[in-house]
Amino acid sequence: MNIEIDENQHPDSIWTWKSADRTKKTSLWIPYFQGLERLPKGKSDRYTITFNGGSVTFHLKQIDFLMFYGATGDLPIKFLDKLAFYKIPLLIHRRNMPRPYVFFPEPGPAEKDLLSQQILVRENMIRRCYVARTLIRERIRNMESVINVSATSYKKLSACRDLQQIRSIESTITQRYWNAYYQSLDISDLTRREKGHPVNAALDAGSFFLFGILLRWLLFHKFSPYHAYLHEPTSYPSLCYDLMEPYRVFIEQAVHEAYLEVGEEKLDRLTGVSLGKLKLALSKVVYVPASRQSIARKNLLHGVVLALRGYLLGEMRRIVIPVEGEKKGGRPPKLSYRIPGGR
């Protein structure tokens, strides 16, 4: 029985993700939930969910994970009982909600234990450093739009087998980057850690915006957002900030453009204008050479979660972080994932 999506559905409004195993089940994200109806009433486990933009009809045996984002309305207890019967986790999330509601039935013996793999790799310093190096390498590559980074720096990073060494290399390059970034805005006396300046406030707001998107996808794919590889504490969702590293450039470019646009006389508008430019940049269609897909840039944030998931579960021997680029020949890397929403 196929999942049916209303013809009025906007392609960006609903997400599905096919399971990698043979169950052929689908993870389903419903944005702005409005209502639930059982079809036919009382005689099956087939439901229609309506939301802002359309509707989706499915049988619960097709679903392995369900997420409501920006939800309003009522959920019957009987529906939650059915989710428990089919062992379907339910997550309810809204923007600016650091701790979403999670209904998590007891897992079955055949399910892949992503959380255990996530922690085991974190405790293995060789593999942990590999994950951290991979993320920081992409972060540094993006800095080359502002500063020059020598081949020697990349070689030193590749040789690192210690987190402190990785952080030290990243810190040295990042300091040069921020000096050049602020100088390009003619505010060379500012540092990134300085609080209160409108530019830093706009950068922080952009970071929190991407944080919410990454948190959503990490929870959707059953990660613990508290167990990271680069950022140390487990007292906050640090994995979001790990996976943000390759994409911070989107925030920084948006703030740079907004600052030049609003000028020093209207800095009270900087955060709003910056977020508007960030959203516009994330909606732009880009090409991803690794998966040979054209996607909305925002879907890279979903792709990096899938890349880490594939590596942790042993579906890929290395992490292939999705980044935009030009079409080129040659054999692409073997990926365990396709970025949803691509073509």
Protein backbone atom coordinates (compact mmCIF):
# COMPACT_ATOMS: atom_id res chain seq x y z
CA MET A 1 0.00 0.00 0.00
CA ASN A 2 1.76 3.15 -1.18
CA ILE A 3 1.99 6.42 0.65
CA GLU A 4 -0.24 8.94 -1.07
CA ILE A 5 0.63 12.64 -1.12
CA ASP A 6 -1.99 15.26 -1.94
CA GLU A 7 -1.46 16.87 -5.36
CA ASN A 8 -1.46 20.28 -3.67
CA GLN A 9 1.60 19.26 -1.68
CA HIS A 10 4.61 21.53 -2.09
CA PRO A 11 7.76 19.43 -2.70
CA ASP A 12 9.65 21.12 0.12
CA SER A 13 6.91 20.66 2.71
CA ILE A 14 7.19 16.94 3.43
CA TRP A 15 10.14 14.62 3.81
CA THR A 16 10.37 10.87 3.51
CA TRP A 17 13.39 8.65 3.95
CA LYS A 18 13.51 4.99 2.92
CA SER A 19 15.10 2.57 5.36
CA ALA A 20 18.42 1.08 4.26
CA ASP A 21 17.37 -2.44 5.28
CA ARG A 22 14.91 -4.74 3.54
CA THR A 23 11.85 -3.70 5.51
CA LYS A 24 11.02 -1.03 2.89
CA LYS A 25 9.65 1.19 5.62
CA THR A 26 9.72 4.97 5.46
CA SER A 27 10.60 7.69 7.94
CA LEU A 28 8.11 10.51 7.62
CA TRP A 29 8.33 14.18 8.63
CA ILE A 30 5.04 16.08 8.69
CA PRO A 31 5.34 19.90 8.82
CA TYR A 32 2.69 21.94 10.64
CA PHE A 33 0.39 19.05 11.56
CA GLN A 34 -3.29 19.98 11.62
CA GLY A 35 -5.36 16.82 11.92
CA LEU A 36 -5.51 13.02 11.92
CA GLU A 37 -8.16 10.64 10.57
CA ARG A 38 -8.26 6.84 10.64
CA LEU A 39 -9.40 5.21 7.36
CA PRO A 40 -11.83 3.56 7.21
CA LYS A 41 -12.88 4.65 10.64
CA GLY A 42 -12.15 2.02 13.26
CA LYS A 43 -11.37 -0.82 10.84
CA SER A 44 -7.72 -0.50 9.87
CA ASP A 45 -4.41 1.09 10.76
CA ARG A 46 -4.45 3.32 7.72
CA TYR A 47 -4.42 7.06 8.45
CA THR A 48 -4.65 10.38 6.68
CA ILE A 49 -2.74 13.28 8.22
CA THR A 50 -3.48 16.81 7.07
CA PHE A 51 -0.98 19.60 7.44
CA ASN A 52 -0.33 23.09 6.17
CA GLY A 53 0.10 22.43 2.44
CA GLY A 54 -1.52 19.06 1.84
CA SER A 55 -2.14 15.62 3.27
CA VAL A 56 -0.54 12.20 3.37
CA THR A 57 -2.19 8.78 3.65
CA PHE A 58 -0.33 5.69 4.84
CA HIS A 59 -0.59 2.41 6.73
CA LEU A 60 1.37 2.31 9.98
CA LYS A 61 3.16 -0.85 8.90
CA GLN A 62 4.91 1.29 6.25
CA ILE A 63 6.42 3.71 8.80
CA ASP A 64 9.52 3.32 10.96
CA PHE A 65 9.72 6.88 12.31
CA LEU A 66 7.26 9.78 12.48
CA MET A 67 8.02 13.42 13.18
CA PHE A 68 5.71 16.40 13.53
CA TYR A 69 7.39 19.78 13.10
CA GLY A 70 5.57 22.96 14.15
CA ALA A 71 2.61 20.85 15.24
CA THR A 72 -0.79 22.11 16.36
CA GLY A 73 -4.00 20.19 16.99
CA ASP A 74 -4.87 17.04 18.92
CA LEU A 75 -3.52 13.48 18.90
CA PRO A 76 -5.75 10.65 20.16
CA ILE A 77 -4.25 8.33 22.78
CA LYS A 78 -5.40 5.42 20.58
CA PHE A 79 -3.04 6.66 17.86
CA LEU A 80 -0.13 6.70 20.31
CA ASP A 81 -1.09 3.14 21.35
CA LYS A 82 -0.93 2.11 17.69
CA LEU A 83 2.51 3.70 17.32
CA ALA A 84 3.67 1.68 20.33
CA PHE A 85 2.21 -1.51 18.82
CA TYR A 86 4.16 -0.98 15.57
CA LYS A 87 7.22 0.25 17.53
CA ILE A 88 7.21 3.62 15.73
CA PRO A 89 9.00 6.48 17.53
CA LEU A 90 7.21 9.85 17.41
CA LEU A 91 8.99 13.18 17.76
CA ILE A 92 7.24 16.55 18.11
CA HIS A 93 9.48 19.54 17.46
CA ARG A 94 9.15 23.29 17.00
CA ARG A 95 11.76 25.90 16.25
CA ASN A 96 13.41 27.24 19.40
CA MET A 97 12.49 24.03 21.25
CA PRO A 98 15.83 22.59 22.48
CA ARG A 99 14.18 19.50 23.96
CA PRO A 100 11.44 18.11 21.70
CA TYR A 101 8.81 15.65 22.89
CA VAL A 102 9.82 12.07 22.09
CA PHE A 103 7.62 8.96 22.33
CA PHE A 104 9.98 6.03 22.03
CA PRO A 105 8.66 2.45 22.12
CA GLU A 106 10.98 -0.31 23.24
CA PRO A 107 13.26 -1.23 20.28
CA GLY A 108 13.12 -4.67 18.74
CA PRO A 109 16.13 -7.05 18.74
CA ALA A 110 16.74 -6.71 14.98
CA GLU A 111 16.98 -2.89 14.94
CA LYS A 112 20.31 -1.24 14.21
CA ASP A 113 21.63 0.38 17.36
CA LEU A 114 22.85 3.74 16.12
CA LEU A 115 23.25 5.22 19.59
CA SER A 116 25.67 2.50 20.69
CA GLN A 117 27.72 2.96 17.53
CA GLN A 118 27.71 6.71 18.02
CA ILE A 119 29.16 6.35 21.52
CA LEU A 120 31.61 3.57 20.60
CA VAL A 121 33.13 5.69 17.81
CA ARG A 122 33.28 8.63 20.20
CA GLU A 123 35.25 6.54 22.70
CA ASN A 124 37.65 5.28 20.02
CA MET A 125 40.13 8.15 19.77
CA ILE A 126 41.42 7.16 16.33
CA ARG A 127 37.94 7.13 14.80
CA ARG A 128 36.84 10.16 16.78
CA CYS A 129 39.76 12.19 15.48
CA TYR A 130 38.97 11.02 11.96
CA VAL A 131 35.43 12.41 12.24
CA ALA A 132 36.71 15.67 13.76
CA ARG A 133 39.43 16.09 11.11
CA THR A 134 36.95 15.51 8.30
CA LEU A 135 34.58 18.18 9.57
CA ILE A 136 37.32 20.72 10.27
CA ARG A 137 38.93 20.13 6.87
CA GLU A 138 35.71 21.22 5.15
CA ARG A 139 35.43 24.19 7.49
CA ILE A 140 38.97 25.32 6.63
CA ARG A 141 38.37 24.87 2.90
CA ASN A 142 35.51 27.34 3.14
CA MET A 143 37.80 29.85 4.85
CA GLU A 144 39.86 30.00 1.67
CA SER A 145 37.27 32.39 0.26
CA VAL A 146 38.73 34.95 2.69
CA ILE A 147 42.29 33.84 3.51
CA ASN A 148 45.00 31.64 2.01
CA VAL A 149 45.54 28.27 3.66
CA SER A 150 48.78 26.46 2.89
CA ALA A 151 49.04 22.84 1.80
CA THR A 152 51.26 22.33 4.86
CA SER A 153 48.32 23.17 7.14
CA TYR A 154 46.17 20.50 5.51
CA LYS A 155 49.02 17.96 5.82
CA LYS A 156 49.40 18.74 9.52
CA LEU A 157 45.66 18.35 10.00
CA SER A 158 45.63 14.99 8.20
CA ALA A 159 48.42 13.75 10.45
CA CYS A 160 46.62 14.69 13.68
CA ARG A 161 45.61 11.85 15.96
CA ASP A 162 44.82 14.03 18.94
CA LEU A 163 41.81 16.27 19.46
CA GLN A 164 43.84 19.06 21.05
CA GLN A 165 46.14 19.19 18.02
CA ILE A 166 43.15 19.36 15.69
CA ARG A 167 41.64 22.19 17.72
CA SER A 168 44.98 24.00 17.83
CA ILE A 169 45.36 23.95 14.02
CA GLU A 170 41.74 25.02 13.57
CA SER A 171 42.12 27.81 16.14
CA THR A 172 45.22 29.27 14.48
CA ILE A 173 43.62 29.37 11.03
CA THR A 174 40.29 30.60 12.41
CA GLN A 175 41.97 33.54 14.15
CA ARG A 176 43.48 34.67 10.84
CA TYR A 177 40.11 34.17 9.17
CA TRP A 178 38.20 36.35 11.63
CA ASN A 179 40.84 39.07 11.50
CA ALA A 180 40.47 39.23 7.71
CA TYR A 181 36.67 38.94 7.91
CA TYR A 182 36.28 41.89 10.26
CA GLN A 183 38.86 43.95 8.37
CA SER A 184 36.78 43.50 5.21
CA LEU A 185 33.92 45.16 7.12
CA ASP A 186 36.25 47.91 8.40
CA ILE A 187 35.74 46.83 12.02
CA SER A 188 39.18 45.37 12.62
CA ASP A 189 39.08 46.00 16.39
CA LEU A 190 36.34 43.37 16.86
CA THR A 191 36.90 39.73 17.91
CA ARG A 192 34.49 36.83 17.43
CA ARG A 193 34.08 36.20 21.15
CA GLU A 194 33.20 39.80 21.92
CA LYS A 195 29.58 40.10 23.00
CA GLY A 196 27.21 42.93 22.21
CA HIS A 197 28.34 43.92 18.73
CA PRO A 198 25.55 43.65 16.09
CA VAL A 199 27.76 41.65 13.71
CA ASN A 200 28.48 38.99 16.32
CA ALA A 201 24.82 38.97 17.35
CA ALA A 202 23.82 38.35 13.73
CA LEU A 203 26.42 35.56 13.44
CA ASP A 204 25.06 33.96 16.62
CA ALA A 205 21.49 34.19 15.32
CA GLY A 206 22.49 32.48 12.08
CA SER A 207 24.24 29.75 14.05
CA PHE A 208 21.12 29.15 16.11
CA PHE A 209 19.04 28.99 12.93
CA LEU A 210 21.22 26.21 11.46
CA PHE A 211 21.33 24.56 14.87
CA GLY A 212 17.55 24.07 14.78
CA ILE A 213 17.67 22.46 11.34
CA LEU A 214 20.48 20.08 12.28
CA LEU A 215 18.84 19.16 15.58
CA ARG A 216 15.69 18.23 13.66
CA TRP A 217 17.54 15.87 11.33
CA LEU A 218 19.65 14.31 14.08
CA LEU A 219 16.55 13.47 16.06
CA PHE A 220 14.76 12.31 12.93
CA HIS A 221 17.53 9.77 12.28
CA LYS A 222 17.68 8.62 15.92
CA PHE A 223 21.00 10.22 16.94
CA SER A 224 21.81 11.52 20.37
CA PRO A 225 22.62 15.20 19.71
CA TYR A 226 24.62 15.29 22.96
CA HIS A 227 27.45 12.96 21.89
CA ALA A 228 29.77 14.85 19.55
CA TYR A 229 33.26 14.25 18.20
CA LEU A 230 34.85 17.68 17.99
CA HIS A 231 32.99 19.59 20.71
CA GLU A 232 33.64 18.05 24.11
CA PRO A 233 30.78 18.53 26.61
CA THR A 234 27.69 16.31 26.63
CA SER A 235 25.69 18.93 28.55
CA TYR A 236 24.27 20.53 25.38
CA PRO A 237 23.43 19.31 21.83
CA SER A 238 27.08 19.57 20.74
CA LEU A 239 26.74 17.28 17.72
CA CYS A 240 24.71 20.01 16.00
CA TYR A 241 27.73 22.30 16.20
CA ASP A 242 30.04 19.54 14.96
CA LEU A 243 28.00 19.06 11.81
CA MET A 244 27.56 22.80 11.33
CA GLU A 245 31.28 23.33 10.73
CA PRO A 246 31.28 22.68 6.94
CA TYR A 247 28.35 25.07 6.48
CA ARG A 248 29.13 28.04 8.74
CA VAL A 249 30.25 29.90 5.65
CA PHE A 250 26.58 30.34 4.68
CA ILE A 251 26.01 32.34 7.87
CA GLU A 252 29.15 34.41 7.50
CA GLN A 253 28.48 35.32 3.89
CA ALA A 254 24.90 36.31 4.71
CA VAL A 255 26.00 38.58 7.58
CA HIS A 256 28.76 40.10 5.44
CA GLU A 257 26.31 40.97 2.66
CA ALA A 258 23.73 42.30 5.14
CA TYR A 259 26.27 44.52 6.92
CA LEU A 260 27.34 46.15 3.67
CA GLU A 261 23.68 46.63 2.75
CA VAL A 262 22.26 48.16 5.96
CA GLY A 263 25.30 50.28 6.86
CA GLU A 264 26.36 51.45 10.30
CA GLU A 265 23.30 53.67 10.72
CA LYS A 266 20.82 50.76 10.65
CA LEU A 267 22.66 48.06 12.57
CA ASP A 268 19.48 47.34 14.55
CA ARG A 269 18.20 45.68 11.36
CA LEU A 270 21.33 43.60 10.80
CA THR A 271 20.14 40.35 12.37
CA GLY A 272 16.81 40.38 10.53
CA VAL A 273 18.39 41.18 7.17
CA SER A 274 21.11 38.59 7.73
CA LEU A 275 18.60 35.83 8.48
CA GLY A 276 16.62 36.80 5.40
CA LYS A 277 19.72 36.48 3.25
CA LEU A 278 20.64 33.19 4.94
CA LYS A 279 17.22 31.71 4.19
CA LEU A 280 17.48 32.88 0.60
CA ALA A 281 20.95 31.33 0.26
CA LEU A 282 19.71 28.02 1.71
CA SER A 283 16.91 27.88 -0.85
CA LYS A 284 19.33 28.17 -3.78
CA VAL A 285 19.71 25.04 -5.92
CA VAL A 286 23.29 23.72 -5.96
CA TYR A 287 25.04 20.69 -7.42
CA VAL A 288 26.61 18.03 -5.17
CA PRO A 289 29.36 16.14 -7.06
CA ALA A 290 29.60 13.30 -4.52
CA SER A 291 25.99 12.20 -5.02
CA ARG A 292 25.57 13.75 -8.49
CA GLN A 293 22.42 15.56 -7.41
CA SER A 294 21.00 19.05 -7.75
CA ILE A 295 19.42 20.03 -4.43
CA ALA A 296 18.32 23.04 -2.45
CA ARG A 297 21.36 24.10 -0.43
CA LYS A 298 19.48 23.59 2.85
CA ASN A 299 19.36 19.86 2.09
CA LEU A 300 23.13 19.69 2.61
CA LEU A 301 22.31 19.88 6.33
CA HIS A 302 20.26 16.72 5.97
CA GLY A 303 22.95 15.08 3.86
CA VAL A 304 25.73 15.55 6.43
CA VAL A 305 23.59 13.78 9.04
CA LEU A 306 23.06 10.91 6.61
CA ALA A 307 26.80 10.80 5.86
CA LEU A 308 27.66 10.43 9.55
CA ARG A 309 24.90 7.86 10.00
CA GLY A 310 26.23 5.75 7.13
CA TYR A 311 29.74 5.83 8.56
CA LEU A 312 28.69 4.94 12.12
CA LEU A 313 26.56 2.00 10.95
CA GLY A 314 29.38 0.66 8.80
CA GLU A 315 27.54 1.32 5.54
CA MET A 316 30.47 3.49 4.35
CA ARG A 317 34.16 3.11 5.19
CA ARG A 318 34.65 6.87 5.30
CA ILE A 319 32.55 9.97 5.76
CA VAL A 320 31.70 11.70 2.50
CA ILE A 321 30.43 15.12 3.51
CA PRO A 322 28.09 16.58 0.88
CA VAL A 323 29.35 19.92 -0.39
CA GLU A 324 28.41 21.91 -3.45
CA GLY A 325 30.62 22.02 -6.50
CA GLU A 326 30.78 21.73 -10.27
CA LYS A 327 29.81 18.79 -12.42
CA LYS A 328 32.84 16.72 -13.34
CA GLY A 329 33.69 13.36 -14.83
CA GLY A 330 35.15 10.34 -13.13
CA ARG A 331 33.72 7.77 -10.78
CA PRO A 332 31.87 9.24 -7.78
CA PRO A 333 32.49 7.85 -4.29
CA LYS A 334 30.29 5.00 -3.11
CA LEU A 335 27.63 6.44 -0.84
CA SER A 336 25.12 4.67 1.37
CA TYR A 337 22.72 7.59 1.07
CA ARG A 338 20.93 9.86 -1.37
CA ILE A 339 20.04 13.36 -0.25
CA PRO A 340 16.21 13.63 -0.11
CA GLY A 341 14.77 16.37 -2.27
CA GLY A 342 17.45 15.98 -4.96
CA ARG A 343 17.18 15.28 -8.62
